[in-house]
Amino acid sequence: MPSSAVLSFREPDDYATSIRVARTEMTVTGGGRFIARLTDITLNRVWMQCLNETLPRVAHSVHPCGQASISFRTQPGPPLFWGGVEMQPSGILRHSEGQDGFQRSTGPVGWGAISLPIEAMVSAGAVIAGCDLTPGRKAVAVTPPAAAMDRLQRLHAAIGKVAEDTPETLGNPAAVHGMEQSLLEAMIGCLSAAKLHAAPLALQHQAVIMHRFRRALENHRDQPVYIPELCAEIGVSDRALRACCQRQLGMGPHRYLLLRRMHLARRALLASAPAGTTVTAIATRFGFWQFGRFAQEYKILFGELPSATLGRQHRE
């Protein structure tokens, strides 16, 4: 059934669970108050999202099977990367089925996503453009003709504005059908005429290492992980891991693992009742033993002291 929602977030975890284009885990990498705004629209078989974020972050995403999805920037701004490749405002990333990878931003960013069942994409591609748009085995960056890209971005923004200003329009079947067909035509017009940009072999090799990196973190989801044991588990040298993380995450593994532990601590602080634990106990659990330094870095990253976070969800 057609629907829409306009949502605002201050917690990265809550925001990440609402990103439908992929199952996402997010680590904010810049200090301050995180604010995100997400407009989610379901038409008939097509859904789309408009997303805006205020702080730089790294997001690990796993795309669902059975869906054909694209993402693209909705406005110029600081660089945004998928798998170490910068997403240009004039380009589209065409995701592979079940794609697993890292997206990172370097500042405030606006981006969009569109998804539909694979069989619907293949059928529309054959009818509208006479081409096969079955998702490939790997994600591909594409550059559509400028006019086609401009049309897609304007249409995506216009449908998002309808959801914000006049959401009742989505209760009209004729209006919804018109939006969906226009969006399909614009999207296929971009994909069918686009130039493809295959990832260099070096990036493909890095993607394999980062997949192992991510799998190792999944094996220790709620535990701190350190570089020596991580390199041993992945089967890669410290130097190779540093090179991959710098390209894919925009930082070395030491910094990323520190930020990861900070976020693990924040989740635990939010989930705990003040009467049941202490900041010191939670900090220690995630490998922080210089408590004054922990509190200082926590405040820089999240805009508040850990004592202010502890038990907030229980108080609200």
C-alpha atoms as a PDB file:
ATOM      1  CA  MET A   1       0.000   0.000   0.000  1.00  0.00           C
ATOM      2  CA  PRO A   2       1.395   3.472  -0.859  1.00  0.00           C
ATOM      3  CA  SER A   3       2.670   5.363   2.159  1.00  0.00           C
ATOM      4  CA  SER A   4       5.176   7.961   3.280  1.00  0.00           C
ATOM      5  CA  ALA A   5       6.979   9.058   6.417  1.00  0.00           C
ATOM      6  CA  VAL A   6       9.195  12.038   7.215  1.00  0.00           C
ATOM      7  CA  LEU A   7      11.513  11.194  10.101  1.00  0.00           C
ATOM      8  CA  SER A   8      14.209  13.004  12.090  1.00  0.00           C
ATOM      9  CA  PHE A   9      16.961  11.286  14.071  1.00  0.00           C
ATOM     10  CA  ARG A  10      19.574  12.181  16.659  1.00  0.00           C
ATOM     11  CA  GLU A  11      20.862   8.651  17.273  1.00  0.00           C
ATOM     12  CA  PRO A  12      22.865   7.084  14.402  1.00  0.00           C
ATOM     13  CA  ASP A  13      21.635   3.568  15.279  1.00  0.00           C
ATOM     14  CA  ASP A  14      17.976   4.563  14.963  1.00  0.00           C
ATOM     15  CA  TYR A  15      18.693   6.268  11.664  1.00  0.00           C
ATOM     16  CA  ALA A  16      20.656   3.311  10.304  1.00  0.00           C
ATOM     17  CA  THR A  17      17.800   0.880  10.935  1.00  0.00           C
ATOM     18  CA  SER A  18      15.492   3.088   8.833  1.00  0.00           C
ATOM     19  CA  ILE A  19      17.694   3.048   5.712  1.00  0.00           C
ATOM     20  CA  ARG A  20      15.842   0.574   3.529  1.00  0.00           C
ATOM     21  CA  VAL A  21      18.275   0.343   0.626  1.00  0.00           C
ATOM     22  CA  ALA A  22      20.482  -1.909   2.772  1.00  0.00           C
ATOM     23  CA  ARG A  23      20.941  -3.346   6.249  1.00  0.00           C
ATOM     24  CA  THR A  24      23.239  -0.705   7.693  1.00  0.00           C
ATOM     25  CA  GLU A  25      25.517  -0.206  10.666  1.00  0.00           C
ATOM     26  CA  MET A  26      26.783   3.335  11.124  1.00  0.00           C
ATOM     27  CA  THR A  27      29.799   4.793  12.910  1.00  0.00           C
ATOM     28  CA  VAL A  28      29.900   8.589  13.173  1.00  0.00           C
ATOM     29  CA  THR A  29      33.450   9.860  12.653  1.00  0.00           C
ATOM     30  CA  GLY A  30      33.055  13.592  13.329  1.00  0.00           C
ATOM     31  CA  GLY A  31      32.352  15.334  16.598  1.00  0.00           C
ATOM     32  CA  GLY A  32      29.145  17.130  17.564  1.00  0.00           C
ATOM     33  CA  ARG A  33      25.409  16.499  17.533  1.00  0.00           C
ATOM     34  CA  PHE A  34      24.308  14.032  14.892  1.00  0.00           C
ATOM     35  CA  ILE A  35      21.095  14.987  13.092  1.00  0.00           C
ATOM     36  CA  ALA A  36      19.594  13.120  10.157  1.00  0.00           C
ATOM     37  CA  ARG A  37      16.384  13.565   8.202  1.00  0.00           C
ATOM     38  CA  LEU A  38      14.847  10.788   6.144  1.00  0.00           C
ATOM     39  CA  THR A  39      11.834  10.849   3.835  1.00  0.00           C
ATOM     40  CA  ASP A  40      10.577   7.351   3.039  1.00  0.00           C
ATOM     41  CA  ILE A  41       8.055   6.802   0.222  1.00  0.00           C
ATOM     42  CA  THR A  42       6.428   3.581  -0.933  1.00  0.00           C
ATOM     43  CA  LEU A  43       4.552   3.811  -4.221  1.00  0.00           C
ATOM     44  CA  ASN A  44       3.341   0.469  -5.626  1.00  0.00           C
ATOM     45  CA  ARG A  45       6.349  -1.701  -6.420  1.00  0.00           C
ATOM     46  CA  VAL A  46       8.873   1.109  -6.233  1.00  0.00           C
ATOM     47  CA  TRP A  47      10.084   2.749  -3.048  1.00  0.00           C
ATOM     48  CA  MET A  48      12.474   5.638  -2.584  1.00  0.00           C
ATOM     49  CA  GLN A  49      14.211   7.536   0.179  1.00  0.00           C
ATOM     50  CA  CYS A  50      15.652  11.042   0.521  1.00  0.00           C
ATOM     51  CA  LEU A  51      18.396  11.206   3.166  1.00  0.00           C
ATOM     52  CA  ASN A  52      20.270  14.105   4.732  1.00  0.00           C
ATOM     53  CA  GLU A  53      22.946  13.901   7.441  1.00  0.00           C
ATOM     54  CA  THR A  54      24.961  16.518   9.322  1.00  0.00           C
ATOM     55  CA  LEU A  55      28.133  14.665  10.368  1.00  0.00           C
ATOM     56  CA  PRO A  56      30.755  12.547   8.596  1.00  0.00           C
ATOM     57  CA  ARG A  57      30.384   8.800   9.157  1.00  0.00           C
ATOM     58  CA  VAL A  58      31.271   5.330   7.926  1.00  0.00           C
ATOM     59  CA  ALA A  59      28.398   2.960   7.154  1.00  0.00           C
ATOM     60  CA  HIS A  60      28.668  -0.743   6.448  1.00  0.00           C
ATOM     61  CA  SER A  61      25.777  -1.880   4.254  1.00  0.00           C
ATOM     62  CA  VAL A  62      24.459  -5.231   3.060  1.00  0.00           C
ATOM     63  CA  HIS A  63      21.931  -4.942   0.245  1.00  0.00           C
ATOM     64  CA  PRO A  64      18.945  -7.300   0.182  1.00  0.00           C
ATOM     65  CA  CYS A  65      18.586 -10.099  -2.332  1.00  0.00           C
ATOM     66  CA  GLY A  66      15.721  -9.841  -4.817  1.00  0.00           C
ATOM     67  CA  GLN A  67      15.917  -6.037  -5.092  1.00  0.00           C
ATOM     68  CA  ALA A  68      17.381  -3.833  -7.834  1.00  0.00           C
ATOM     69  CA  SER A  69      18.629  -0.636  -6.195  1.00  0.00           C
ATOM     70  CA  ILE A  70      20.455   2.551  -7.097  1.00  0.00           C
ATOM     71  CA  SER A  71      21.778   5.422  -5.011  1.00  0.00           C
ATOM     72  CA  PHE A  72      22.996   8.876  -5.953  1.00  0.00           C
ATOM     73  CA  ARG A  73      23.814  12.255  -4.508  1.00  0.00           C
ATOM     74  CA  THR A  74      20.953  14.710  -4.309  1.00  0.00           C
ATOM     75  CA  GLN A  75      23.068  17.808  -3.794  1.00  0.00           C
ATOM     76  CA  PRO A  76      26.730  18.842  -4.109  1.00  0.00           C
ATOM     77  CA  GLY A  77      28.856  18.945  -0.995  1.00  0.00           C
ATOM     78  CA  PRO A  78      31.784  17.249   0.748  1.00  0.00           C
ATOM     79  CA  PRO A  79      32.950  13.989  -0.881  1.00  0.00           C
ATOM     80  CA  LEU A  80      30.879  10.823  -0.452  1.00  0.00           C
ATOM     81  CA  PHE A  81      32.470   7.432  -1.191  1.00  0.00           C
ATOM     82  CA  TRP A  82      31.239   3.903  -1.884  1.00  0.00           C
ATOM     83  CA  GLY A  83      33.925   1.230  -1.687  1.00  0.00           C
ATOM     84  CA  GLY A  84      36.693   3.816  -1.937  1.00  0.00           C
ATOM     85  CA  VAL A  85      35.249   5.416  -5.096  1.00  0.00           C
ATOM     86  CA  GLU A  86      33.853   8.933  -4.879  1.00  0.00           C
ATOM     87  CA  MET A  87      30.195   9.337  -5.823  1.00  0.00           C
ATOM     88  CA  GLN A  88      29.883  12.321  -8.139  1.00  0.00           C
ATOM     89  CA  PRO A  89      26.705  14.471  -8.170  1.00  0.00           C
ATOM     90  CA  SER A  90      26.462  13.586 -11.867  1.00  0.00           C
ATOM     91  CA  GLY A  91      26.607   9.820 -11.327  1.00  0.00           C
ATOM     92  CA  ILE A  92      24.681   6.824 -10.019  1.00  0.00           C
ATOM     93  CA  LEU A  93      25.826   3.769  -8.109  1.00  0.00           C
ATOM     94  CA  ARG A  94      24.016   0.683  -9.367  1.00  0.00           C
ATOM     95  CA  HIS A  95      24.093  -1.851  -6.541  1.00  0.00           C
ATOM     96  CA  SER A  96      24.560  -5.577  -6.966  1.00  0.00           C
ATOM     97  CA  GLU A  97      22.199  -8.079  -5.401  1.00  0.00           C
ATOM     98  CA  GLY A  98      23.427  -8.807  -1.863  1.00  0.00           C
ATOM     99  CA  GLN A  99      26.200  -6.187  -2.123  1.00  0.00           C
ATOM    100  CA  ASP A 100      28.382  -5.887   0.975  1.00  0.00           C
ATOM    101  CA  GLY A 101      30.536  -2.784   1.389  1.00  0.00           C
ATOM    102  CA  PHE A 102      31.400   0.498   3.076  1.00  0.00           C
ATOM    103  CA  GLN A 103      30.043   3.953   2.346  1.00  0.00           C
ATOM    104  CA  ARG A 104      31.694   6.960   3.960  1.00  0.00           C
ATOM    105  CA  SER A 105      30.939  10.651   4.031  1.00  0.00           C
ATOM    106  CA  THR A 106      33.327  13.476   4.882  1.00  0.00           C
ATOM    107  CA  GLY A 107      30.795  16.074   6.004  1.00  0.00           C
ATOM    108  CA  PRO A 108      27.120  17.008   5.672  1.00  0.00           C
ATOM    109  CA  VAL A 109      25.610  15.045   2.801  1.00  0.00           C
ATOM    110  CA  GLY A 110      22.343  14.550   0.951  1.00  0.00           C
ATOM    111  CA  TRP A 111      21.704  11.386  -1.022  1.00  0.00           C
ATOM    112  CA  GLY A 112      18.853   9.336  -2.386  1.00  0.00           C
ATOM    113  CA  ALA A 113      17.942   5.724  -3.104  1.00  0.00           C
ATOM    114  CA  ILE A 114      15.402   3.960  -5.304  1.00  0.00           C
ATOM    115  CA  SER A 115      14.610   0.248  -5.209  1.00  0.00           C
ATOM    116  CA  LEU A 116      12.178  -2.217  -6.774  1.00  0.00           C
ATOM    117  CA  PRO A 117      11.987  -6.005  -7.234  1.00  0.00           C
ATOM    118  CA  ILE A 118      14.501  -7.311  -9.761  1.00  0.00           C
ATOM    119  CA  GLU A 119      11.793  -8.795 -11.990  1.00  0.00           C
ATOM    120  CA  ALA A 120      10.077  -5.396 -12.144  1.00  0.00           C
ATOM    121  CA  MET A 121      13.348  -3.688 -13.116  1.00  0.00           C
ATOM    122  CA  VAL A 122      14.071  -6.279 -15.823  1.00  0.00           C
ATOM    123  CA  SER A 123      10.550  -5.991 -17.235  1.00  0.00           C
ATOM    124  CA  ALA A 124      10.606  -2.189 -17.263  1.00  0.00           C
ATOM    125  CA  GLY A 125      14.074  -2.128 -18.844  1.00  0.00           C
ATOM    126  CA  ALA A 126      12.924  -4.396 -21.664  1.00  0.00           C
ATOM    127  CA  VAL A 127       9.724  -2.433 -22.310  1.00  0.00           C
ATOM    128  CA  ILE A 128      11.046   1.121 -21.930  1.00  0.00           C
ATOM    129  CA  ALA A 129      14.573   0.831 -23.327  1.00  0.00           C
ATOM    130  CA  GLY A 130      14.818  -2.615 -24.915  1.00  0.00           C
ATOM    131  CA  CYS A 131      17.780  -3.572 -22.702  1.00  0.00           C
ATOM    132  CA  ASP A 132      18.595  -6.028 -19.918  1.00  0.00           C
ATOM    133  CA  LEU A 133      18.896  -4.252 -16.554  1.00  0.00           C
ATOM    134  CA  THR A 134      19.438  -7.343 -14.405  1.00  0.00           C
ATOM    135  CA  PRO A 135      21.821  -6.328 -11.583  1.00  0.00           C
ATOM    136  CA  GLY A 136      25.369  -7.596 -12.104  1.00  0.00           C
ATOM    137  CA  ARG A 137      27.525  -9.484  -9.638  1.00  0.00           C
ATOM    138  CA  LYS A 138      29.363  -6.308  -8.651  1.00  0.00           C
ATOM    139  CA  ALA A 139      28.254  -2.762  -7.946  1.00  0.00           C
ATOM    140  CA  VAL A 140      28.918  -0.405 -10.838  1.00  0.00           C
ATOM    141  CA  ALA A 141      29.300   3.374 -10.966  1.00  0.00           C
ATOM    142  CA  VAL A 142      27.564   4.860 -13.980  1.00  0.00           C
ATOM    143  CA  THR A 143      27.487   8.318 -15.537  1.00  0.00           C
ATOM    144  CA  PRO A 144      24.186   9.079 -17.318  1.00  0.00           C
ATOM    145  CA  PRO A 145      23.758  11.875 -19.842  1.00  0.00           C
ATOM    146  CA  ALA A 146      23.478  15.169 -17.945  1.00  0.00           C
ATOM    147  CA  ALA A 147      19.863  15.803 -18.983  1.00  0.00           C
ATOM    148  CA  ALA A 148      18.777  12.319 -17.888  1.00  0.00           C
ATOM    149  CA  MET A 149      20.506  12.661 -14.511  1.00  0.00           C
ATOM    150  CA  ASP A 150      19.010  16.095 -13.944  1.00  0.00           C
ATOM    151  CA  ARG A 151      15.540  14.749 -14.668  1.00  0.00           C
ATOM    152  CA  LEU A 152      15.947  11.882 -12.204  1.00  0.00           C
ATOM    153  CA  GLN A 153      17.204  14.162  -9.432  1.00  0.00           C
ATOM    154  CA  ARG A 154      14.428  16.722  -9.987  1.00  0.00           C
ATOM    155  CA  LEU A 155      11.731  14.036 -10.047  1.00  0.00           C
ATOM    156  CA  HIS A 156      13.119  12.351  -6.920  1.00  0.00           C
ATOM    157  CA  ALA A 157      13.116  15.707  -5.110  1.00  0.00           C
ATOM    158  CA  ALA A 158       9.592  16.559  -6.314  1.00  0.00           C
ATOM    159  CA  ILE A 159       8.122  13.274  -5.047  1.00  0.00           C
ATOM    160  CA  GLY A 160       9.924  13.806  -1.736  1.00  0.00           C
ATOM    161  CA  LYS A 161       8.365  17.261  -1.454  1.00  0.00           C
ATOM    162  CA  VAL A 162       4.906  15.789  -2.086  1.00  0.00           C
ATOM    163  CA  ALA A 163       5.466  13.373   0.810  1.00  0.00           C
ATOM    164  CA  GLU A 164       6.441  16.265   3.087  1.00  0.00           C
ATOM    165  CA  ASP A 165       3.887  18.885   2.050  1.00  0.00           C
ATOM    166  CA  THR A 166       0.833  16.946   0.830  1.00  0.00           C
ATOM    167  CA  PRO A 167       1.165  13.307   1.972  1.00  0.00           C
ATOM    168  CA  GLU A 168      -2.550  12.772   1.354  1.00  0.00           C
ATOM    169  CA  THR A 169      -1.712  12.751  -2.367  1.00  0.00           C
ATOM    170  CA  LEU A 170      -0.336   9.244  -1.887  1.00  0.00           C
ATOM    171  CA  GLY A 171      -3.877   8.106  -1.131  1.00  0.00           C
ATOM    172  CA  ASN A 172      -4.847   8.777  -4.739  1.00  0.00           C
ATOM    173  CA  PRO A 173      -4.133   5.657  -6.885  1.00  0.00           C
ATOM    174  CA  ALA A 174      -3.895   7.632 -10.121  1.00  0.00           C
ATOM    175  CA  ALA A 175      -1.356  10.058  -8.658  1.00  0.00           C
ATOM    176  CA  VAL A 176       0.726   7.215  -7.219  1.00  0.00           C
ATOM    177  CA  HIS A 177       0.692   5.349 -10.534  1.00  0.00           C
ATOM    178  CA  GLY A 178       1.818   8.479 -12.357  1.00  0.00           C
ATOM    179  CA  MET A 179       4.674   9.093  -9.898  1.00  0.00           C
ATOM    180  CA  GLU A 180       5.876   5.510 -10.148  1.00  0.00           C
ATOM    181  CA  GLN A 181       5.816   5.391 -13.936  1.00  0.00           C
ATOM    182  CA  SER A 182       7.611   8.722 -14.209  1.00  0.00           C
ATOM    183  CA  LEU A 183      10.260   7.606 -11.728  1.00  0.00           C
ATOM    184  CA  LEU A 184      10.750   4.290 -13.543  1.00  0.00           C
ATOM    185  CA  GLU A 185      11.103   6.032 -16.888  1.00  0.00           C
ATOM    186  CA  ALA A 186      13.631   8.523 -15.503  1.00  0.00           C
ATOM    187  CA  MET A 187      15.680   5.839 -13.756  1.00  0.00           C
ATOM    188  CA  ILE A 188      15.786   3.531 -16.779  1.00  0.00           C
ATOM    189  CA  GLY A 189      16.578   6.499 -19.008  1.00  0.00           C
ATOM    190  CA  CYS A 190      19.685   7.046 -16.874  1.00  0.00           C
ATOM    191  CA  LEU A 191      20.776   3.403 -16.650  1.00  0.00           C
ATOM    192  CA  SER A 192      20.203   2.457 -20.272  1.00  0.00           C
ATOM    193  CA  ALA A 193      22.256   5.355 -21.650  1.00  0.00           C
ATOM    194  CA  ALA A 194      24.929   5.516 -18.955  1.00  0.00           C
ATOM    195  CA  LYS A 195      28.657   4.974 -19.265  1.00  0.00           C
ATOM    196  CA  LEU A 196      29.907   2.195 -16.976  1.00  0.00           C
ATOM    197  CA  HIS A 197      32.969   2.588 -14.765  1.00  0.00           C
ATOM    198  CA  ALA A 198      34.420  -0.710 -13.558  1.00  0.00           C
ATOM    199  CA  ALA A 199      36.388  -0.629 -10.304  1.00  0.00           C
ATOM    200  CA  PRO A 200      40.189  -1.000 -10.731  1.00  0.00           C
ATOM    201  CA  LEU A 201      41.663  -4.391  -9.819  1.00  0.00           C
ATOM    202  CA  ALA A 202      43.385  -2.879  -6.768  1.00  0.00           C
ATOM    203  CA  LEU A 203      40.028  -1.760  -5.392  1.00  0.00           C
ATOM    204  CA  GLN A 204      38.519  -5.162  -6.078  1.00  0.00           C
ATOM    205  CA  HIS A 205      41.341  -6.750  -4.052  1.00  0.00           C
ATOM    206  CA  GLN A 206      40.774  -4.231  -1.258  1.00  0.00           C
ATOM    207  CA  ALA A 207      37.086  -5.083  -1.265  1.00  0.00           C
ATOM    208  CA  VAL A 208      37.964  -8.735  -0.537  1.00  0.00           C
ATOM    209  CA  ILE A 209      40.144  -7.712   2.416  1.00  0.00           C
ATOM    210  CA  MET A 210      37.462  -5.347   3.743  1.00  0.00           C
ATOM    211  CA  HIS A 211      34.883  -8.121   3.508  1.00  0.00           C
ATOM    212  CA  ARG A 212      37.102 -10.265   5.736  1.00  0.00           C
ATOM    213  CA  PHE A 213      37.632  -7.248   8.000  1.00  0.00           C
ATOM    214  CA  ARG A 214      33.907  -6.782   8.383  1.00  0.00           C
ATOM    215  CA  ARG A 215      33.293 -10.491   8.938  1.00  0.00           C
ATOM    216  CA  ALA A 216      35.878 -10.495  11.738  1.00  0.00           C
ATOM    217  CA  LEU A 217      34.091  -7.575  13.408  1.00  0.00           C
ATOM    218  CA  GLU A 218      30.786  -9.433  13.076  1.00  0.00           C
ATOM    219  CA  ASN A 219      32.371 -12.372  14.900  1.00  0.00           C
ATOM    220  CA  HIS A 220      33.027 -10.009  17.814  1.00  0.00           C
ATOM    221  CA  ARG A 221      29.952  -7.828  17.476  1.00  0.00           C
ATOM    222  CA  ASP A 222      29.725  -6.606  21.082  1.00  0.00           C
ATOM    223  CA  GLN A 223      33.388  -6.930  22.003  1.00  0.00           C
ATOM    224  CA  PRO A 224      36.411  -4.666  21.552  1.00  0.00           C
ATOM    225  CA  VAL A 225      38.814  -5.857  18.846  1.00  0.00           C
ATOM    226  CA  TYR A 226      42.474  -4.863  18.487  1.00  0.00           C
ATOM    227  CA  ILE A 227      44.708  -4.709  15.433  1.00  0.00           C
ATOM    228  CA  PRO A 228      47.149  -7.587  16.137  1.00  0.00           C
ATOM    229  CA  GLU A 229      44.372 -10.121  16.708  1.00  0.00           C
ATOM    230  CA  LEU A 230      42.354  -8.685  13.823  1.00  0.00           C
ATOM    231  CA  CYS A 231      45.241  -9.043  11.357  1.00  0.00           C
ATOM    232  CA  ALA A 232      45.784 -12.617  12.513  1.00  0.00           C
ATOM    233  CA  GLU A 233      42.111 -13.483  12.039  1.00  0.00           C
ATOM    234  CA  ILE A 234      41.906 -11.847   8.591  1.00  0.00           C
ATOM    235  CA  GLY A 235      45.255 -13.242   7.435  1.00  0.00           C
ATOM    236  CA  VAL A 236      46.654  -9.911   6.257  1.00  0.00           C
ATOM    237  CA  SER A 237      49.585  -7.712   7.275  1.00  0.00           C
ATOM    238  CA  ASP A 238      49.174  -4.569   9.343  1.00  0.00           C
ATOM    239  CA  ARG A 239      50.497  -2.539   6.415  1.00  0.00           C
ATOM    240  CA  ALA A 240      47.974  -3.998   3.947  1.00  0.00           C
ATOM    241  CA  LEU A 241      45.097  -3.471   6.379  1.00  0.00           C
ATOM    242  CA  ARG A 242      46.121   0.147   6.937  1.00  0.00           C
ATOM    243  CA  ALA A 243      46.201   0.802   3.190  1.00  0.00           C
ATOM    244  CA  CYS A 244      42.744  -0.745   2.703  1.00  0.00           C
ATOM    245  CA  CYS A 245      41.160   1.124   5.614  1.00  0.00           C
ATOM    246  CA  GLN A 246      42.664   4.430   4.543  1.00  0.00           C
ATOM    247  CA  ARG A 247      41.129   4.068   1.061  1.00  0.00           C
ATOM    248  CA  GLN A 248      37.817   2.499   2.058  1.00  0.00           C
ATOM    249  CA  LEU A 249      37.146   4.175   5.434  1.00  0.00           C
ATOM    250  CA  GLY A 250      39.118   7.395   5.142  1.00  0.00           C
ATOM    251  CA  MET A 251      41.135   6.541   8.276  1.00  0.00           C
ATOM    252  CA  GLY A 252      43.486   3.907   9.612  1.00  0.00           C
ATOM    253  CA  PRO A 253      42.184   0.769  11.361  1.00  0.00           C
ATOM    254  CA  HIS A 254      43.314   1.994  14.792  1.00  0.00           C
ATOM    255  CA  ARG A 255      41.103   5.089  14.564  1.00  0.00           C
ATOM    256  CA  TYR A 256      38.164   3.126  13.168  1.00  0.00           C
ATOM    257  CA  LEU A 257      38.356   0.500  15.916  1.00  0.00           C
ATOM    258  CA  LEU A 258      38.555   3.257  18.548  1.00  0.00           C
ATOM    259  CA  LEU A 259      35.420   4.896  17.136  1.00  0.00           C
ATOM    260  CA  ARG A 260      33.718   1.504  16.995  1.00  0.00           C
ATOM    261  CA  ARG A 261      34.439   0.955  20.701  1.00  0.00           C
ATOM    262  CA  MET A 262      33.107   4.431  21.462  1.00  0.00           C
ATOM    263  CA  HIS A 263      29.851   3.583  19.701  1.00  0.00           C
ATOM    264  CA  LEU A 264      29.607   0.222  21.453  1.00  0.00           C
ATOM    265  CA  ALA A 265      29.990   2.050  24.767  1.00  0.00           C
ATOM    266  CA  ARG A 266      27.313   4.576  23.804  1.00  0.00           C
ATOM    267  CA  ARG A 267      24.838   1.820  22.910  1.00  0.00           C
ATOM    268  CA  ALA A 268      25.485   0.165  26.258  1.00  0.00           C
ATOM    269  CA  LEU A 269      25.072   3.464  28.127  1.00  0.00           C
ATOM    270  CA  LEU A 270      21.751   4.150  26.416  1.00  0.00           C
ATOM    271  CA  ALA A 271      20.465   0.637  27.117  1.00  0.00           C
ATOM    272  CA  SER A 272      21.477   0.492  30.796  1.00  0.00           C
ATOM    273  CA  ALA A 273      19.533   1.667  33.814  1.00  0.00           C
ATOM    274  CA  PRO A 274      21.536   4.155  35.954  1.00  0.00           C
ATOM    275  CA  ALA A 275      20.838   2.114  39.087  1.00  0.00           C
ATOM    276  CA  GLY A 276      22.205  -1.049  37.493  1.00  0.00           C
ATOM    277  CA  THR A 277      25.653   0.004  36.311  1.00  0.00           C
ATOM    278  CA  THR A 278      28.174   2.849  36.108  1.00  0.00           C
ATOM    279  CA  VAL A 279      29.996   4.716  33.372  1.00  0.00           C
ATOM    280  CA  THR A 280      33.249   3.226  34.646  1.00  0.00           C
ATOM    281  CA  ALA A 281      31.930  -0.332  34.364  1.00  0.00           C
ATOM    282  CA  ILE A 282      30.755   0.201  30.797  1.00  0.00           C
ATOM    283  CA  ALA A 283      33.922   2.021  29.746  1.00  0.00           C
ATOM    284  CA  THR A 284      36.033  -0.822  31.132  1.00  0.00           C
ATOM    285  CA  ARG A 285      33.945  -3.428  29.327  1.00  0.00           C
ATOM    286  CA  PHE A 286      34.900  -1.881  25.994  1.00  0.00           C
ATOM    287  CA  GLY A 287      38.595  -1.487  26.729  1.00  0.00           C
ATOM    288  CA  PHE A 288      38.745   2.101  28.058  1.00  0.00           C
ATOM    289  CA  TRP A 289      40.781   2.405  31.248  1.00  0.00           C
ATOM    290  CA  GLN A 290      41.863   6.058  31.160  1.00  0.00           C
ATOM    291  CA  PHE A 291      38.478   7.298  32.318  1.00  0.00           C
ATOM    292  CA  GLY A 292      39.133  11.032  32.160  1.00  0.00           C
ATOM    293  CA  ARG A 293      40.385  10.721  28.595  1.00  0.00           C
ATOM    294  CA  PHE A 294      37.430   8.503  27.703  1.00  0.00           C
ATOM    295  CA  ALA A 295      34.951  11.104  29.006  1.00  0.00           C
ATOM    296  CA  GLN A 296      36.743  13.899  27.152  1.00  0.00           C
ATOM    297  CA  GLU A 297      36.843  12.071  23.796  1.00  0.00           C
ATOM    298  CA  TYR A 298      33.266  10.880  24.269  1.00  0.00           C
ATOM    299  CA  LYS A 299      32.063  14.453  24.713  1.00  0.00           C
ATOM    300  CA  ILE A 300      33.967  15.619  21.628  1.00  0.00           C
ATOM    301  CA  LEU A 301      32.415  12.838  19.548  1.00  0.00           C
ATOM    302  CA  PHE A 302      28.827  12.848  20.864  1.00  0.00           C
ATOM    303  CA  GLY A 303      28.384  16.340  22.263  1.00  0.00           C
ATOM    304  CA  GLU A 304      27.719  15.224  25.857  1.00  0.00           C
ATOM    305  CA  LEU A 305      29.408  13.443  28.738  1.00  0.00           C
ATOM    306  CA  PRO A 306      28.864   9.675  29.098  1.00  0.00           C
ATOM    307  CA  SER A 307      27.095  10.310  32.421  1.00  0.00           C
ATOM    308  CA  ALA A 308      24.442  12.281  30.526  1.00  0.00           C
ATOM    309  CA  THR A 309      23.882   9.363  28.135  1.00  0.00           C
ATOM    310  CA  LEU A 310      23.611   6.662  30.801  1.00  0.00           C
ATOM    311  CA  GLY A 311      20.025   5.507  31.121  1.00  0.00           C
ATOM    312  CA  ARG A 312      18.489   8.240  28.960  1.00  0.00           C
ATOM    313  CA  GLN A 313      16.158   5.758  27.258  1.00  0.00           C
ATOM    314  CA  HIS A 314      14.935   4.640  30.689  1.00  0.00           C
ATOM    315  CA  ARG A 315      14.282   8.235  31.779  1.00  0.00           C
ATOM    316  CA  GLU A 316      12.419   9.331  28.635  1.00  0.00           C
END
